[in-house]
Amino acid sequence: MADLIVESYRNSSVNSILDDIAKKYNIDTFKDQLKNDIPIDEIKFKYRTYSECIRMLYNAVGLSKSKD
């Protein structure tokens, strides 16, 4: 079973959040990194799968992520 992510971030960017998740949860986040990083004021993940976190991140910055 995949690890559920429980983290909160303030004044971060999409790529820095993905880097932190990669380190803490040993997940390859490279394919989800943005070419042009976008700041995020605040986001909280409460027992979310990685794919849910990606959708939440992208939605928070006005992008869409299609379901894999």
C-alpha atoms as a PDB file:
ATOM      1  CA  MET A   1       0.000   0.000   0.000  1.00  0.00           C
ATOM      2  CA  ALA A   2       1.248   3.456  -0.860  1.00  0.00           C
ATOM      3  CA  ASP A   3       2.220   5.845   1.905  1.00  0.00           C
ATOM      4  CA  LEU A   4      -0.330   8.508   2.705  1.00  0.00           C
ATOM      5  CA  ILE A   5       1.108  11.989   2.764  1.00  0.00           C
ATOM      6  CA  VAL A   6       0.491  14.171   5.800  1.00  0.00           C
ATOM      7  CA  GLU A   7       2.177  17.552   5.342  1.00  0.00           C
ATOM      8  CA  SER A   8       1.403  21.246   5.292  1.00  0.00           C
ATOM      9  CA  TYR A   9       3.278  23.995   3.478  1.00  0.00           C
ATOM     10  CA  ARG A  10       3.218  27.791   3.651  1.00  0.00           C
ATOM     11  CA  ASN A  11       4.935  30.248   1.330  1.00  0.00           C
ATOM     12  CA  SER A  12       6.438  27.504  -0.822  1.00  0.00           C
ATOM     13  CA  SER A  13       6.417  26.645  -4.495  1.00  0.00           C
ATOM     14  CA  VAL A  14       5.126  23.611  -6.347  1.00  0.00           C
ATOM     15  CA  ASN A  15       8.612  22.275  -7.092  1.00  0.00           C
ATOM     16  CA  SER A  16       9.917  22.825  -3.553  1.00  0.00           C
ATOM     17  CA  ILE A  17       6.890  20.957  -2.178  1.00  0.00           C
ATOM     18  CA  LEU A  18       7.505  18.116  -4.622  1.00  0.00           C
ATOM     19  CA  ASP A  19      11.189  18.024  -3.631  1.00  0.00           C
ATOM     20  CA  ASP A  20      10.220  17.766   0.041  1.00  0.00           C
ATOM     21  CA  ILE A  21       7.721  14.962  -0.634  1.00  0.00           C
ATOM     22  CA  ALA A  22      10.360  13.128  -2.693  1.00  0.00           C
ATOM     23  CA  LYS A  23      12.817  13.218   0.224  1.00  0.00           C
ATOM     24  CA  LYS A  24      10.369  12.357   2.991  1.00  0.00           C
ATOM     25  CA  TYR A  25       8.347   9.675   1.200  1.00  0.00           C
ATOM     26  CA  ASN A  26      10.934   8.307  -1.259  1.00  0.00           C
ATOM     27  CA  ILE A  27       8.753   9.104  -4.283  1.00  0.00           C
ATOM     28  CA  ASP A  28      10.087  10.057  -7.717  1.00  0.00           C
ATOM     29  CA  THR A  29       8.469  13.454  -8.330  1.00  0.00           C
ATOM     30  CA  PHE A  30      10.548  14.413 -11.389  1.00  0.00           C
ATOM     31  CA  LYS A  31       7.760  13.928 -13.949  1.00  0.00           C
ATOM     32  CA  ASP A  32       5.458  16.241 -11.987  1.00  0.00           C
ATOM     33  CA  GLN A  33       7.919  19.133 -11.596  1.00  0.00           C
ATOM     34  CA  LEU A  34       6.892  22.334 -13.366  1.00  0.00           C
ATOM     35  CA  LYS A  35       9.130  23.904 -15.980  1.00  0.00           C
ATOM     36  CA  ASN A  36       8.167  27.331 -14.604  1.00  0.00           C
ATOM     37  CA  ASP A  37       7.775  26.963 -10.846  1.00  0.00           C
ATOM     38  CA  ILE A  38       4.708  28.611  -9.260  1.00  0.00           C
ATOM     39  CA  PRO A  39       4.409  29.861  -5.661  1.00  0.00           C
ATOM     40  CA  ILE A  40       1.718  28.593  -3.289  1.00  0.00           C
ATOM     41  CA  ASP A  41       0.588  30.520  -0.213  1.00  0.00           C
ATOM     42  CA  GLU A  42      -0.636  27.489   1.724  1.00  0.00           C
ATOM     43  CA  ILE A  43      -1.630  23.878   1.131  1.00  0.00           C
ATOM     44  CA  LYS A  44      -2.332  20.966   3.483  1.00  0.00           C
ATOM     45  CA  PHE A  45      -2.311  17.275   2.717  1.00  0.00           C
ATOM     46  CA  LYS A  46      -4.148  15.210   5.316  1.00  0.00           C
ATOM     47  CA  TYR A  47      -3.667  11.498   4.618  1.00  0.00           C
ATOM     48  CA  ARG A  48      -3.609  11.902   0.830  1.00  0.00           C
ATOM     49  CA  THR A  49      -2.113   9.656  -1.811  1.00  0.00           C
ATOM     50  CA  TYR A  50       0.613  11.116  -3.975  1.00  0.00           C
ATOM     51  CA  SER A  51      -1.732  11.420  -6.973  1.00  0.00           C
ATOM     52  CA  GLU A  52      -4.269  13.302  -4.825  1.00  0.00           C
ATOM     53  CA  CYS A  53      -1.512  15.679  -3.700  1.00  0.00           C
ATOM     54  CA  ILE A  54      -0.502  16.352  -7.305  1.00  0.00           C
ATOM     55  CA  ARG A  55      -4.088  17.147  -8.277  1.00  0.00           C
ATOM     56  CA  MET A  56      -4.449  19.453  -5.260  1.00  0.00           C
ATOM     57  CA  LEU A  57      -1.164  21.238  -6.058  1.00  0.00           C
ATOM     58  CA  TYR A  58      -2.015  21.754  -9.708  1.00  0.00           C
ATOM     59  CA  ASN A  59      -5.549  22.920  -8.876  1.00  0.00           C
ATOM     60  CA  ALA A  60      -4.164  25.388  -6.327  1.00  0.00           C
ATOM     61  CA  VAL A  61      -2.120  27.093  -9.037  1.00  0.00           C
ATOM     62  CA  GLY A  62      -4.784  26.914 -11.752  1.00  0.00           C
ATOM     63  CA  LEU A  63      -3.413  23.977 -13.721  1.00  0.00           C
ATOM     64  CA  SER A  64      -5.097  20.684 -14.430  1.00  0.00           C
ATOM     65  CA  LYS A  65      -3.613  17.224 -14.115  1.00  0.00           C
ATOM     66  CA  SER A  66      -5.349  14.484 -16.012  1.00  0.00           C
ATOM     67  CA  LYS A  67      -5.911  11.207 -14.222  1.00  0.00           C
ATOM     68  CA  ASP A  68      -3.263   8.596 -15.014  1.00  0.00           C
END
